[in-house]
Amino acid sequence: MLRLDDGQDLFEALSEFAMREDIRAGTIVFGIGMFRRATVGYWDGTQYRPHEISVPHEVAALHGTIARQDGAPSLHLHAALVGPDHHLVGGHLLRATVGMLQEVLIETFPGHTFGRPMVESFGLKMLDLEPPKEP
């Protein structure tokens, strides 16, 4: 379980945690809290179409995977966010800054390493549950 505080960059904090704890295969089971600002993307089949969220939104759902790519953590996150108008917006999370706090449950798979290679036919980095061993 991880608690992030106001102003932290979500991706930096999760990557630092994954490096410190040597997480090579994991999943973000859930996250709740708030983002000050965020960018979510919609995959249109060729690229992510970003949507900037510049007012604080509550995090109704946060989930994803943690893999390794070139020795560093590789995060793939999705989020559902609720704004002051009570409308839900979500998608592939591209960027996020924590507002007030973020509570995140991370499940790990000791002894395993997930990869995230580029799959050219889709133009996406995709999760590989059994990648070749890193040197």
C-alpha atoms as a PDB file:
ATOM      1  CA  MET A   1       0.000   0.000   0.000  1.00  0.00           C
ATOM      2  CA  LEU A   2       1.331   3.403  -0.927  1.00  0.00           C
ATOM      3  CA  ARG A   3       0.111   6.877   0.039  1.00  0.00           C
ATOM      4  CA  LEU A   4       1.091   9.809  -2.146  1.00  0.00           C
ATOM      5  CA  ASP A   5       0.760  13.417  -1.069  1.00  0.00           C
ATOM      6  CA  ASP A   6      -0.381  16.700  -2.561  1.00  0.00           C
ATOM      7  CA  GLY A   7       1.738  17.889  -5.464  1.00  0.00           C
ATOM      8  CA  GLN A   8       3.552  14.613  -6.179  1.00  0.00           C
ATOM      9  CA  ASP A   9       3.853  13.483  -9.767  1.00  0.00           C
ATOM     10  CA  LEU A  10       2.035  10.133  -9.875  1.00  0.00           C
ATOM     11  CA  PHE A  11       4.296   8.516 -12.468  1.00  0.00           C
ATOM     12  CA  GLU A  12       7.518   9.655 -10.779  1.00  0.00           C
ATOM     13  CA  ALA A  13       6.325   8.463  -7.369  1.00  0.00           C
ATOM     14  CA  LEU A  14       5.183   5.051  -8.629  1.00  0.00           C
ATOM     15  CA  SER A  15       8.379   4.583 -10.666  1.00  0.00           C
ATOM     16  CA  GLU A  16      10.575   5.507  -7.684  1.00  0.00           C
ATOM     17  CA  PHE A  17       8.623   3.088  -5.478  1.00  0.00           C
ATOM     18  CA  ALA A  18       8.949   0.309  -8.068  1.00  0.00           C
ATOM     19  CA  MET A  19      12.727   0.892  -8.294  1.00  0.00           C
ATOM     20  CA  ARG A  20      13.192   1.085  -4.502  1.00  0.00           C
ATOM     21  CA  GLU A  21      11.155  -2.100  -3.933  1.00  0.00           C
ATOM     22  CA  ASP A  22      12.612  -3.819  -7.025  1.00  0.00           C
ATOM     23  CA  ILE A  23       9.151  -4.452  -8.479  1.00  0.00           C
ATOM     24  CA  ARG A  24       9.605  -6.174 -11.836  1.00  0.00           C
ATOM     25  CA  ALA A  25       6.062  -7.483 -12.216  1.00  0.00           C
ATOM     26  CA  GLY A  26       3.075  -5.884 -10.593  1.00  0.00           C
ATOM     27  CA  THR A  27      -0.383  -4.509 -10.862  1.00  0.00           C
ATOM     28  CA  ILE A  28      -2.035  -1.392  -9.527  1.00  0.00           C
ATOM     29  CA  VAL A  29      -5.122  -3.009  -8.002  1.00  0.00           C
ATOM     30  CA  PHE A  30      -6.772   0.308  -7.183  1.00  0.00           C
ATOM     31  CA  GLY A  31      -6.111   3.926  -6.399  1.00  0.00           C
ATOM     32  CA  ILE A  32      -8.379   6.490  -4.771  1.00  0.00           C
ATOM     33  CA  GLY A  33      -7.894  10.133  -3.941  1.00  0.00           C
ATOM     34  CA  MET A  34      -7.659  13.252  -6.061  1.00  0.00           C
ATOM     35  CA  PHE A  35      -5.636  14.683  -8.933  1.00  0.00           C
ATOM     36  CA  ARG A  36      -4.937  18.418  -9.183  1.00  0.00           C
ATOM     37  CA  ARG A  37      -4.464  17.988 -12.895  1.00  0.00           C
ATOM     38  CA  ALA A  38      -4.233  15.080 -15.263  1.00  0.00           C
ATOM     39  CA  THR A  39      -4.115  14.089 -18.900  1.00  0.00           C
ATOM     40  CA  VAL A  40      -6.065  11.080 -20.109  1.00  0.00           C
ATOM     41  CA  GLY A  41      -5.864   9.636 -23.581  1.00  0.00           C
ATOM     42  CA  TYR A  42      -8.172   7.765 -25.899  1.00  0.00           C
ATOM     43  CA  TRP A  43      -6.498   5.318 -28.304  1.00  0.00           C
ATOM     44  CA  ASP A  44      -8.035   5.889 -31.747  1.00  0.00           C
ATOM     45  CA  GLY A  45      -6.250   2.946 -33.346  1.00  0.00           C
ATOM     46  CA  THR A  46      -3.142   4.888 -34.339  1.00  0.00           C
ATOM     47  CA  GLN A  47      -2.443   7.344 -31.496  1.00  0.00           C
ATOM     48  CA  TYR A  48      -3.604   8.582 -28.104  1.00  0.00           C
ATOM     49  CA  ARG A  49      -5.897  11.584 -28.296  1.00  0.00           C
ATOM     50  CA  PRO A  50      -5.109  13.537 -25.105  1.00  0.00           C
ATOM     51  CA  HIS A  51      -7.670  15.311 -22.950  1.00  0.00           C
ATOM     52  CA  GLU A  52      -6.247  17.797 -20.433  1.00  0.00           C
ATOM     53  CA  ILE A  53      -7.974  18.071 -17.062  1.00  0.00           C
ATOM     54  CA  SER A  54      -6.936  21.298 -15.377  1.00  0.00           C
ATOM     55  CA  VAL A  55      -9.331  21.417 -12.403  1.00  0.00           C
ATOM     56  CA  PRO A  56      -9.163  18.983  -9.478  1.00  0.00           C
ATOM     57  CA  HIS A  57     -10.970  15.682 -10.035  1.00  0.00           C
ATOM     58  CA  GLU A  58     -11.610  12.820  -7.633  1.00  0.00           C
ATOM     59  CA  VAL A  59     -10.120   9.503  -8.637  1.00  0.00           C
ATOM     60  CA  ALA A  60     -13.004   7.034  -8.824  1.00  0.00           C
ATOM     61  CA  ALA A  61     -10.744   4.299 -10.212  1.00  0.00           C
ATOM     62  CA  LEU A  62      -7.049   3.850 -10.927  1.00  0.00           C
ATOM     63  CA  HIS A  63      -5.541   0.588 -12.117  1.00  0.00           C
ATOM     64  CA  GLY A  64      -2.776  -0.738 -14.324  1.00  0.00           C
ATOM     65  CA  THR A  65       0.413  -2.753 -14.596  1.00  0.00           C
ATOM     66  CA  ILE A  66       4.076  -2.390 -13.703  1.00  0.00           C
ATOM     67  CA  ALA A  67       6.662  -3.949 -16.002  1.00  0.00           C
ATOM     68  CA  ARG A  68      10.344  -3.378 -16.788  1.00  0.00           C
ATOM     69  CA  GLN A  69      11.715  -1.883 -19.948  1.00  0.00           C
ATOM     70  CA  ASP A  70      15.451  -1.285 -20.397  1.00  0.00           C
ATOM     71  CA  GLY A  71      15.955  -1.821 -16.655  1.00  0.00           C
ATOM     72  CA  ALA A  72      13.471   0.863 -15.601  1.00  0.00           C
ATOM     73  CA  PRO A  73       9.842   0.618 -14.453  1.00  0.00           C
ATOM     74  CA  SER A  74       7.251   0.850 -17.214  1.00  0.00           C
ATOM     75  CA  LEU A  75       3.758   1.864 -16.067  1.00  0.00           C
ATOM     76  CA  HIS A  76       0.487   1.412 -17.941  1.00  0.00           C
ATOM     77  CA  LEU A  77      -2.328   3.144 -16.067  1.00  0.00           C
ATOM     78  CA  HIS A  78      -6.001   3.843 -16.662  1.00  0.00           C
ATOM     79  CA  ALA A  79      -8.157   6.154 -14.577  1.00  0.00           C
ATOM     80  CA  ALA A  80     -11.764   7.198 -14.121  1.00  0.00           C
ATOM     81  CA  LEU A  81     -12.051  10.745 -12.766  1.00  0.00           C
ATOM     82  CA  VAL A  82     -15.047  12.709 -11.480  1.00  0.00           C
ATOM     83  CA  GLY A  83     -15.159  16.505 -11.655  1.00  0.00           C
ATOM     84  CA  PRO A  84     -17.164  19.146  -9.815  1.00  0.00           C
ATOM     85  CA  ASP A  85     -20.028  18.676 -12.290  1.00  0.00           C
ATOM     86  CA  HIS A  86     -20.227  14.970 -11.264  1.00  0.00           C
ATOM     87  CA  HIS A  87     -19.380  13.870 -14.817  1.00  0.00           C
ATOM     88  CA  LEU A  88     -16.973  10.990 -15.293  1.00  0.00           C
ATOM     89  CA  VAL A  89     -13.992  11.227 -17.637  1.00  0.00           C
ATOM     90  CA  GLY A  90     -11.335   8.611 -18.098  1.00  0.00           C
ATOM     91  CA  GLY A  91      -9.005   6.627 -20.247  1.00  0.00           C
ATOM     92  CA  HIS A  92      -5.311   5.868 -20.543  1.00  0.00           C
ATOM     93  CA  LEU A  93      -3.547   8.015 -17.946  1.00  0.00           C
ATOM     94  CA  LEU A  94      -0.743   9.990 -19.577  1.00  0.00           C
ATOM     95  CA  ARG A  95       0.120  12.399 -16.710  1.00  0.00           C
ATOM     96  CA  ALA A  96      -1.197  13.204 -13.242  1.00  0.00           C
ATOM     97  CA  THR A  97      -0.363  15.385 -10.270  1.00  0.00           C
ATOM     98  CA  VAL A  98      -1.721  14.277  -6.908  1.00  0.00           C
ATOM     99  CA  GLY A  99      -4.166  16.634  -5.198  1.00  0.00           C
ATOM    100  CA  MET A 100      -4.439  16.203  -1.411  1.00  0.00           C
ATOM    101  CA  LEU A 101      -3.630  12.479  -1.453  1.00  0.00           C
ATOM    102  CA  GLN A 102      -3.680   9.282  -3.443  1.00  0.00           C
ATOM    103  CA  GLU A 103      -3.913   5.830  -1.864  1.00  0.00           C
ATOM    104  CA  VAL A 104      -2.645   3.036  -4.111  1.00  0.00           C
ATOM    105  CA  LEU A 105      -2.705  -0.725  -3.600  1.00  0.00           C
ATOM    106  CA  ILE A 106       0.067  -2.523  -5.492  1.00  0.00           C
ATOM    107  CA  GLU A 107       0.192  -6.294  -5.901  1.00  0.00           C
ATOM    108  CA  THR A 108       3.521  -7.834  -6.905  1.00  0.00           C
ATOM    109  CA  PHE A 109       4.537 -11.118  -8.472  1.00  0.00           C
ATOM    110  CA  PRO A 110       7.891 -12.030  -6.843  1.00  0.00           C
ATOM    111  CA  GLY A 111      10.229 -14.029  -9.038  1.00  0.00           C
ATOM    112  CA  HIS A 112       8.631 -12.697 -12.231  1.00  0.00           C
ATOM    113  CA  THR A 113       9.518  -9.883 -14.590  1.00  0.00           C
ATOM    114  CA  PHE A 114       6.981  -8.432 -16.994  1.00  0.00           C
ATOM    115  CA  GLY A 115       8.250  -6.682 -20.111  1.00  0.00           C
ATOM    116  CA  ARG A 116       6.658  -4.029 -22.284  1.00  0.00           C
ATOM    117  CA  PRO A 117       8.077  -4.250 -25.824  1.00  0.00           C
ATOM    118  CA  MET A 118       6.845  -2.252 -28.771  1.00  0.00           C
ATOM    119  CA  VAL A 119       4.497  -4.278 -30.951  1.00  0.00           C
ATOM    120  CA  GLU A 120       4.940  -2.611 -34.328  1.00  0.00           C
ATOM    121  CA  SER A 121       1.772  -4.057 -35.873  1.00  0.00           C
ATOM    122  CA  PHE A 122      -0.290  -2.156 -33.283  1.00  0.00           C
ATOM    123  CA  GLY A 123       2.060   0.767 -32.697  1.00  0.00           C
ATOM    124  CA  LEU A 124       1.835   0.153 -28.942  1.00  0.00           C
ATOM    125  CA  LYS A 125       4.014  -1.119 -26.137  1.00  0.00           C
ATOM    126  CA  MET A 126       2.227  -4.207 -24.874  1.00  0.00           C
ATOM    127  CA  LEU A 127       2.629  -6.281 -21.725  1.00  0.00           C
ATOM    128  CA  ASP A 128       4.804  -9.372 -22.099  1.00  0.00           C
ATOM    129  CA  LEU A 129       4.313 -11.803 -19.208  1.00  0.00           C
ATOM    130  CA  GLU A 130       7.427 -13.854 -20.056  1.00  0.00           C
ATOM    131  CA  PRO A 131      10.054 -11.603 -21.647  1.00  0.00           C
ATOM    132  CA  PRO A 132      13.639 -12.695 -22.291  1.00  0.00           C
ATOM    133  CA  LYS A 133      15.882 -12.259 -19.236  1.00  0.00           C
ATOM    134  CA  GLU A 134      17.597  -8.866 -18.911  1.00  0.00           C
ATOM    135  CA  PRO A 135      21.409  -8.972 -18.820  1.00  0.00           C
END
